[in-house]
Amino acid sequence: MLNKTLLPQTVAREIQTMIQSGVLKPGEKIQSQRELSEKFGVSRASLREALLTLETLGMVKTEAGRGTFVTAPAERAANMAPWRYSHSYSAFDVFQTRALLEGEIAKLAAGRLTQRQLDEMEQATETMESSWEKQDVISNVEADLQFHSTIVSACSNVMLQALYQTVRELITETQRQPIPITDPARMRKSIAEHRRVIEALRLNDGNLAKAEMEMHIRNTARCAGLDP
């Protein structure tokens, strides 16, 4: 049983492992939320969030009135989950806001990141690369989130930091949502874009960091079929 304080992301990783190891097979209906919450020793709310994460990443799909099913790899590549926040903002608006917000944050973080933070960003990018090769999409996304949050932590404008935290849930969903339709070539380009952002930040070149970050986010949006 998992510790009850573990985050939904940890539960999502456990279920991902069950899928990849064949414990849960393509097309198989997974246990009810009540059974899974008891199995992992977490709340229903944490379990629901874990399943929503896996659905966004294309590993499971929920059918109304029937339950949640494991998707086949070919099915994941052909579909992208519905945008979870359509009742509030479109994915296009969120990507557009990300480019504006994170571009400026990267600019204002230049010259403020420590060597340790820059090295951690390099490590996160390497983790993204290695986890993608193993199709550990949970770790891939977690490393991506770490990369971006490190830059935010160094931004000189605390109000922009607070604004980012306010919309973080929406932003992180745009980092997960394109994953099912991201091919290896695009992931390689995304990782290369991360490294260009790091290089601009190592050079303390705020304008270049902003340009590289905006390009990275817009390229990610195009992968999701959007052009903000």
C-alpha atoms as a PDB file:
ATOM      1  CA  MET A   1       0.000   0.000   0.000  1.00  0.00           C
ATOM      2  CA  LEU A   2       1.222   3.517  -0.787  1.00  0.00           C
ATOM      3  CA  ASN A   3       1.674   6.175   1.868  1.00  0.00           C
ATOM      4  CA  LYS A   4      -1.535   8.217   2.095  1.00  0.00           C
ATOM      5  CA  THR A   5       0.394  11.476   1.746  1.00  0.00           C
ATOM      6  CA  LEU A   6       1.725  10.627  -1.710  1.00  0.00           C
ATOM      7  CA  LEU A   7       0.698  12.928  -4.514  1.00  0.00           C
ATOM      8  CA  PRO A   8      -1.623  11.933  -7.367  1.00  0.00           C
ATOM      9  CA  GLN A   9       1.405  11.941  -9.681  1.00  0.00           C
ATOM     10  CA  THR A  10       2.902   9.056  -7.715  1.00  0.00           C
ATOM     11  CA  VAL A  11      -0.332   7.091  -8.060  1.00  0.00           C
ATOM     12  CA  ALA A  12      -0.332   7.860 -11.793  1.00  0.00           C
ATOM     13  CA  ARG A  13       3.195   6.448 -12.007  1.00  0.00           C
ATOM     14  CA  GLU A  14       2.136   3.271 -10.212  1.00  0.00           C
ATOM     15  CA  ILE A  15      -0.732   2.734 -12.652  1.00  0.00           C
ATOM     16  CA  GLN A  16       1.581   3.518 -15.582  1.00  0.00           C
ATOM     17  CA  THR A  17       3.912   0.780 -14.337  1.00  0.00           C
ATOM     18  CA  MET A  18       1.009  -1.659 -14.171  1.00  0.00           C
ATOM     19  CA  ILE A  19       0.149  -0.829 -17.789  1.00  0.00           C
ATOM     20  CA  GLN A  20       3.713  -1.071 -19.071  1.00  0.00           C
ATOM     21  CA  SER A  21       4.386  -4.323 -17.223  1.00  0.00           C
ATOM     22  CA  GLY A  22       1.249  -5.928 -18.637  1.00  0.00           C
ATOM     23  CA  VAL A  23      -0.573  -6.203 -15.319  1.00  0.00           C
ATOM     24  CA  LEU A  24      -3.164  -3.972 -16.983  1.00  0.00           C
ATOM     25  CA  LYS A  25      -3.607  -4.849 -20.656  1.00  0.00           C
ATOM     26  CA  PRO A  26      -4.852  -2.765 -23.609  1.00  0.00           C
ATOM     27  CA  GLY A  27      -8.621  -2.670 -23.677  1.00  0.00           C
ATOM     28  CA  GLU A  28      -8.909  -3.863 -20.087  1.00  0.00           C
ATOM     29  CA  LYS A  29     -11.292  -2.068 -17.783  1.00  0.00           C
ATOM     30  CA  ILE A  30      -9.455  -0.917 -14.697  1.00  0.00           C
ATOM     31  CA  GLN A  31     -10.827  -1.237 -11.173  1.00  0.00           C
ATOM     32  CA  SER A  32     -13.328   1.238  -9.812  1.00  0.00           C
ATOM     33  CA  GLN A  33     -12.114   4.412  -8.150  1.00  0.00           C
ATOM     34  CA  ARG A  34     -13.195   3.018  -4.796  1.00  0.00           C
ATOM     35  CA  GLU A  35     -11.158  -0.157  -5.304  1.00  0.00           C
ATOM     36  CA  LEU A  36      -8.114   1.715  -6.577  1.00  0.00           C
ATOM     37  CA  SER A  37      -8.211   4.296  -3.788  1.00  0.00           C
ATOM     38  CA  GLU A  38      -8.268   1.431  -1.278  1.00  0.00           C
ATOM     39  CA  LYS A  39      -5.503  -0.422  -3.137  1.00  0.00           C
ATOM     40  CA  PHE A  40      -3.154   2.581  -3.112  1.00  0.00           C
ATOM     41  CA  GLY A  41      -4.293   3.986   0.219  1.00  0.00           C
ATOM     42  CA  VAL A  42      -5.165   7.420  -1.176  1.00  0.00           C
ATOM     43  CA  SER A  43      -8.264   9.571  -1.264  1.00  0.00           C
ATOM     44  CA  ARG A  44     -10.787   9.398  -4.093  1.00  0.00           C
ATOM     45  CA  ALA A  45      -9.782  12.954  -5.024  1.00  0.00           C
ATOM     46  CA  SER A  46      -6.120  11.950  -5.437  1.00  0.00           C
ATOM     47  CA  LEU A  47      -7.127   8.870  -7.407  1.00  0.00           C
ATOM     48  CA  ARG A  48      -9.358  10.909  -9.732  1.00  0.00           C
ATOM     49  CA  GLU A  49      -6.532  13.373 -10.367  1.00  0.00           C
ATOM     50  CA  ALA A  50      -4.158  10.503 -11.160  1.00  0.00           C
ATOM     51  CA  LEU A  51      -6.625   9.044 -13.654  1.00  0.00           C
ATOM     52  CA  LEU A  52      -7.176  12.447 -15.272  1.00  0.00           C
ATOM     53  CA  THR A  53      -3.400  12.779 -15.683  1.00  0.00           C
ATOM     54  CA  LEU A  54      -3.199   9.355 -17.320  1.00  0.00           C
ATOM     55  CA  GLU A  55      -6.140  10.215 -19.572  1.00  0.00           C
ATOM     56  CA  THR A  56      -4.460  13.444 -20.676  1.00  0.00           C
ATOM     57  CA  LEU A  57      -1.302  11.463 -21.424  1.00  0.00           C
ATOM     58  CA  GLY A  58      -3.363   9.026 -23.487  1.00  0.00           C
ATOM     59  CA  MET A  59      -2.781   5.916 -21.380  1.00  0.00           C
ATOM     60  CA  VAL A  60      -6.403   5.431 -20.347  1.00  0.00           C
ATOM     61  CA  LYS A  61      -9.778   6.593 -21.607  1.00  0.00           C
ATOM     62  CA  THR A  62     -13.044   7.004 -19.754  1.00  0.00           C
ATOM     63  CA  GLU A  63     -16.306   6.007 -21.380  1.00  0.00           C
ATOM     64  CA  ALA A  64     -19.468   7.420 -19.855  1.00  0.00           C
ATOM     65  CA  GLY A  65     -21.477   4.753 -18.084  1.00  0.00           C
ATOM     66  CA  ARG A  66     -18.866   2.061 -18.740  1.00  0.00           C
ATOM     67  CA  GLY A  67     -15.731   2.988 -16.827  1.00  0.00           C
ATOM     68  CA  THR A  68     -12.041   3.610 -17.504  1.00  0.00           C
ATOM     69  CA  PHE A  69     -10.101   1.456 -19.943  1.00  0.00           C
ATOM     70  CA  VAL A  70      -6.420   1.009 -20.827  1.00  0.00           C
ATOM     71  CA  THR A  71      -5.647   2.276 -24.324  1.00  0.00           C
ATOM     72  CA  ALA A  72      -3.482   0.466 -26.856  1.00  0.00           C
ATOM     73  CA  PRO A  73      -0.221   2.213 -27.879  1.00  0.00           C
ATOM     74  CA  ALA A  74      -1.491   2.752 -31.437  1.00  0.00           C
ATOM     75  CA  GLU A  75      -4.640   4.315 -30.041  1.00  0.00           C
ATOM     76  CA  ARG A  76      -2.633   6.712 -27.905  1.00  0.00           C
ATOM     77  CA  ALA A  77      -0.703   7.960 -30.915  1.00  0.00           C
ATOM     78  CA  ALA A  78      -3.904   8.642 -32.842  1.00  0.00           C
ATOM     79  CA  ASN A  79      -5.778  10.594 -30.183  1.00  0.00           C
ATOM     80  CA  MET A  80      -5.343  13.535 -27.898  1.00  0.00           C
ATOM     81  CA  ALA A  81      -7.512  13.854 -24.808  1.00  0.00           C
ATOM     82  CA  PRO A  82     -10.205  16.547 -24.753  1.00  0.00           C
ATOM     83  CA  TRP A  83      -9.071  19.847 -23.249  1.00  0.00           C
ATOM     84  CA  ARG A  84     -10.030  19.645 -19.574  1.00  0.00           C
ATOM     85  CA  TYR A  85     -10.615  23.355 -19.048  1.00  0.00           C
ATOM     86  CA  SER A  86     -12.810  24.185 -22.028  1.00  0.00           C
ATOM     87  CA  HIS A  87     -15.452  25.550 -19.626  1.00  0.00           C
ATOM     88  CA  SER A  88     -13.014  28.341 -18.657  1.00  0.00           C
ATOM     89  CA  TYR A  89     -10.365  28.930 -21.326  1.00  0.00           C
ATOM     90  CA  SER A  90      -9.443  27.414 -24.667  1.00  0.00           C
ATOM     91  CA  ALA A  91      -6.149  25.583 -25.052  1.00  0.00           C
ATOM     92  CA  PHE A  92      -5.235  28.202 -27.681  1.00  0.00           C
ATOM     93  CA  ASP A  93      -5.643  31.005 -25.127  1.00  0.00           C
ATOM     94  CA  VAL A  94      -3.566  29.130 -22.564  1.00  0.00           C
ATOM     95  CA  PHE A  95      -0.717  28.475 -25.000  1.00  0.00           C
ATOM     96  CA  GLN A  96      -0.809  32.113 -26.107  1.00  0.00           C
ATOM     97  CA  THR A  97      -0.686  33.264 -22.490  1.00  0.00           C
ATOM     98  CA  ARG A  98       2.139  30.826 -21.766  1.00  0.00           C
ATOM     99  CA  ALA A  99       4.265  32.290 -24.555  1.00  0.00           C
ATOM    100  CA  LEU A 100       3.756  35.830 -23.250  1.00  0.00           C
ATOM    101  CA  LEU A 101       4.168  34.968 -19.565  1.00  0.00           C
ATOM    102  CA  GLU A 102       6.987  32.424 -19.692  1.00  0.00           C
ATOM    103  CA  GLY A 103       8.874  34.389 -22.314  1.00  0.00           C
ATOM    104  CA  GLU A 104       9.001  37.426 -20.043  1.00  0.00           C
ATOM    105  CA  ILE A 105       9.777  35.257 -17.013  1.00  0.00           C
ATOM    106  CA  ALA A 106      12.750  33.712 -18.850  1.00  0.00           C
ATOM    107  CA  LYS A 107      13.991  37.187 -19.751  1.00  0.00           C
ATOM    108  CA  LEU A 108      13.803  38.336 -16.128  1.00  0.00           C
ATOM    109  CA  ALA A 109      15.432  35.134 -14.842  1.00  0.00           C
ATOM    110  CA  ALA A 110      18.574  35.696 -16.934  1.00  0.00           C
ATOM    111  CA  GLY A 111      21.514  36.522 -14.706  1.00  0.00           C
ATOM    112  CA  ARG A 112      19.731  35.269 -11.588  1.00  0.00           C
ATOM    113  CA  LEU A 113      19.977  31.494 -11.937  1.00  0.00           C
ATOM    114  CA  THR A 114      22.716  29.844  -9.907  1.00  0.00           C
ATOM    115  CA  GLN A 115      25.117  27.335 -11.430  1.00  0.00           C
ATOM    116  CA  ARG A 116      23.337  24.649  -9.444  1.00  0.00           C
ATOM    117  CA  GLN A 117      19.957  25.633 -10.901  1.00  0.00           C
ATOM    118  CA  LEU A 118      21.348  25.637 -14.434  1.00  0.00           C
ATOM    119  CA  ASP A 119      22.837  22.197 -13.845  1.00  0.00           C
ATOM    120  CA  GLU A 120      19.511  20.973 -12.455  1.00  0.00           C
ATOM    121  CA  MET A 121      17.801  22.198 -15.620  1.00  0.00           C
ATOM    122  CA  GLU A 122      20.334  20.285 -17.696  1.00  0.00           C
ATOM    123  CA  GLN A 123      19.650  17.170 -15.613  1.00  0.00           C
ATOM    124  CA  ALA A 124      15.897  17.630 -15.995  1.00  0.00           C
ATOM    125  CA  THR A 125      16.342  17.850 -19.764  1.00  0.00           C
ATOM    126  CA  GLU A 126      18.438  14.674 -19.763  1.00  0.00           C
ATOM    127  CA  THR A 127      15.739  12.962 -17.693  1.00  0.00           C
ATOM    128  CA  MET A 128      13.145  14.070 -20.233  1.00  0.00           C
ATOM    129  CA  GLU A 129      15.231  12.473 -22.968  1.00  0.00           C
ATOM    130  CA  SER A 130      15.953   9.186 -21.194  1.00  0.00           C
ATOM    131  CA  SER A 131      12.420   8.742 -19.873  1.00  0.00           C
ATOM    132  CA  TRP A 132      10.951   9.331 -23.324  1.00  0.00           C
ATOM    133  CA  GLU A 133      13.174   6.580 -24.710  1.00  0.00           C
ATOM    134  CA  LYS A 134      11.722   4.245 -22.064  1.00  0.00           C
ATOM    135  CA  GLN A 135       8.208   5.634 -22.674  1.00  0.00           C
ATOM    136  CA  ASP A 136       8.007   6.663 -19.045  1.00  0.00           C
ATOM    137  CA  VAL A 137       5.769   9.596 -19.905  1.00  0.00           C
ATOM    138  CA  ILE A 138       5.050  10.466 -16.262  1.00  0.00           C
ATOM    139  CA  SER A 139       8.752  11.075 -15.562  1.00  0.00           C
ATOM    140  CA  ASN A 140       9.124  12.855 -18.895  1.00  0.00           C
ATOM    141  CA  VAL A 141       6.422  15.355 -17.977  1.00  0.00           C
ATOM    142  CA  GLU A 142       7.632  15.740 -14.383  1.00  0.00           C
ATOM    143  CA  ALA A 143      11.099  16.648 -15.664  1.00  0.00           C
ATOM    144  CA  ASP A 144       9.539  19.160 -18.061  1.00  0.00           C
ATOM    145  CA  LEU A 145       7.585  20.748 -15.206  1.00  0.00           C
ATOM    146  CA  GLN A 146      10.753  20.959 -13.119  1.00  0.00           C
ATOM    147  CA  PHE A 147      12.634  22.663 -15.967  1.00  0.00           C
ATOM    148  CA  HIS A 148      10.037  25.397 -16.326  1.00  0.00           C
ATOM    149  CA  SER A 149       9.419  25.898 -12.604  1.00  0.00           C
ATOM    150  CA  THR A 150      13.154  26.412 -11.975  1.00  0.00           C
ATOM    151  CA  ILE A 151      13.135  29.360 -14.374  1.00  0.00           C
ATOM    152  CA  VAL A 152      10.055  30.794 -12.679  1.00  0.00           C
ATOM    153  CA  SER A 153      11.756  30.559  -9.284  1.00  0.00           C
ATOM    154  CA  ALA A 154      14.560  32.838 -10.529  1.00  0.00           C
ATOM    155  CA  CYS A 155      12.322  35.528 -12.062  1.00  0.00           C
ATOM    156  CA  SER A 156      13.060  38.977 -10.605  1.00  0.00           C
ATOM    157  CA  ASN A 157       9.404  40.026 -10.736  1.00  0.00           C
ATOM    158  CA  VAL A 158       7.552  38.423  -7.822  1.00  0.00           C
ATOM    159  CA  MET A 159       4.180  39.442  -9.227  1.00  0.00           C
ATOM    160  CA  LEU A 160       4.885  37.479 -12.418  1.00  0.00           C
ATOM    161  CA  GLN A 161       5.911  34.533 -10.236  1.00  0.00           C
ATOM    162  CA  ALA A 162       2.594  34.779  -8.379  1.00  0.00           C
ATOM    163  CA  LEU A 163       0.664  35.089 -11.641  1.00  0.00           C
ATOM    164  CA  TYR A 164       2.342  31.951 -12.951  1.00  0.00           C
ATOM    165  CA  GLN A 165       1.383  30.045  -9.818  1.00  0.00           C
ATOM    166  CA  THR A 166      -2.218  31.222 -10.202  1.00  0.00           C
ATOM    167  CA  VAL A 167      -2.492  29.684 -13.669  1.00  0.00           C
ATOM    168  CA  ARG A 168      -0.039  26.819 -13.132  1.00  0.00           C
ATOM    169  CA  GLU A 169      -2.696  24.108 -13.294  1.00  0.00           C
ATOM    170  CA  LEU A 170      -3.724  25.287 -16.766  1.00  0.00           C
ATOM    171  CA  ILE A 171      -0.128  25.642 -17.912  1.00  0.00           C
ATOM    172  CA  THR A 172       0.923  22.179 -16.784  1.00  0.00           C
ATOM    173  CA  GLU A 173      -2.025  20.678 -18.646  1.00  0.00           C
ATOM    174  CA  THR A 174      -0.649  22.147 -21.898  1.00  0.00           C
ATOM    175  CA  GLN A 175       2.633  20.371 -21.110  1.00  0.00           C
ATOM    176  CA  ARG A 176       0.832  17.027 -20.780  1.00  0.00           C
ATOM    177  CA  GLN A 177      -1.864  17.268 -23.423  1.00  0.00           C
ATOM    178  CA  PRO A 178       0.250  17.002 -26.632  1.00  0.00           C
ATOM    179  CA  ILE A 179       2.135  13.926 -25.361  1.00  0.00           C
ATOM    180  CA  PRO A 180      -0.052  11.251 -27.047  1.00  0.00           C
ATOM    181  CA  ILE A 181       0.514  12.788 -30.489  1.00  0.00           C
ATOM    182  CA  THR A 182       4.152  13.787 -29.947  1.00  0.00           C
ATOM    183  CA  ASP A 183       6.397  11.771 -32.242  1.00  0.00           C
ATOM    184  CA  PRO A 184      10.084  11.053 -31.470  1.00  0.00           C
ATOM    185  CA  ALA A 185      11.298  13.727 -33.893  1.00  0.00           C
ATOM    186  CA  ARG A 186       9.240  16.418 -32.152  1.00  0.00           C
ATOM    187  CA  MET A 187      10.423  15.287 -28.721  1.00  0.00           C
ATOM    188  CA  ARG A 188      14.032  15.533 -29.898  1.00  0.00           C
ATOM    189  CA  LYS A 189      13.355  19.075 -31.102  1.00  0.00           C
ATOM    190  CA  SER A 190      11.661  19.966 -27.825  1.00  0.00           C
ATOM    191  CA  ILE A 191      14.675  18.742 -25.871  1.00  0.00           C
ATOM    192  CA  ALA A 192      16.991  20.713 -28.162  1.00  0.00           C
ATOM    193  CA  GLU A 193      14.835  23.798 -27.511  1.00  0.00           C
ATOM    194  CA  HIS A 194      15.261  23.303 -23.770  1.00  0.00           C
ATOM    195  CA  ARG A 195      19.010  23.247 -24.224  1.00  0.00           C
ATOM    196  CA  ARG A 196      18.923  26.477 -26.243  1.00  0.00           C
ATOM    197  CA  VAL A 197      16.973  28.134 -23.437  1.00  0.00           C
ATOM    198  CA  ILE A 198      19.570  26.924 -20.927  1.00  0.00           C
ATOM    199  CA  GLU A 199      22.414  28.228 -23.093  1.00  0.00           C
ATOM    200  CA  ALA A 200      20.777  31.663 -23.350  1.00  0.00           C
ATOM    201  CA  LEU A 201      20.370  31.721 -19.565  1.00  0.00           C
ATOM    202  CA  ARG A 202      23.997  30.651 -19.059  1.00  0.00           C
ATOM    203  CA  LEU A 203      24.985  33.618 -21.225  1.00  0.00           C
ATOM    204  CA  ASN A 204      22.757  35.891 -19.103  1.00  0.00           C
ATOM    205  CA  ASP A 205      21.092  36.961 -22.352  1.00  0.00           C
ATOM    206  CA  GLY A 206      17.540  37.835 -21.358  1.00  0.00           C
ATOM    207  CA  ASN A 207      16.304  38.768 -24.805  1.00  0.00           C
ATOM    208  CA  LEU A 208      17.604  35.538 -26.304  1.00  0.00           C
ATOM    209  CA  ALA A 209      16.139  33.493 -23.447  1.00  0.00           C
ATOM    210  CA  LYS A 210      12.764  35.136 -24.056  1.00  0.00           C
ATOM    211  CA  ALA A 211      12.893  34.444 -27.798  1.00  0.00           C
ATOM    212  CA  GLU A 212      13.917  30.813 -27.288  1.00  0.00           C
ATOM    213  CA  MET A 213      11.227  30.209 -24.672  1.00  0.00           C
ATOM    214  CA  GLU A 214       8.494  31.765 -26.801  1.00  0.00           C
ATOM    215  CA  MET A 215       9.568  29.659 -29.786  1.00  0.00           C
ATOM    216  CA  HIS A 216       9.591  26.498 -27.664  1.00  0.00           C
ATOM    217  CA  ILE A 217       6.063  27.089 -26.366  1.00  0.00           C
ATOM    218  CA  ARG A 218       4.693  27.954 -29.798  1.00  0.00           C
ATOM    219  CA  ASN A 219       6.279  24.830 -31.281  1.00  0.00           C
ATOM    220  CA  THR A 220       4.670  22.755 -28.531  1.00  0.00           C
ATOM    221  CA  ALA A 221       1.333  24.359 -29.322  1.00  0.00           C
ATOM    222  CA  ARG A 222       1.750  23.475 -33.013  1.00  0.00           C
ATOM    223  CA  CYS A 223       2.322  19.873 -31.966  1.00  0.00           C
ATOM    224  CA  ALA A 224      -1.128  20.086 -30.355  1.00  0.00           C
ATOM    225  CA  GLY A 225      -2.561  21.435 -33.624  1.00  0.00           C
ATOM    226  CA  LEU A 226      -2.628  25.069 -32.521  1.00  0.00           C
ATOM    227  CA  ASP A 227      -0.780  28.143 -33.802  1.00  0.00           C
ATOM    228  CA  PRO A 228      -0.913  30.911 -31.182  1.00  0.00           C
END
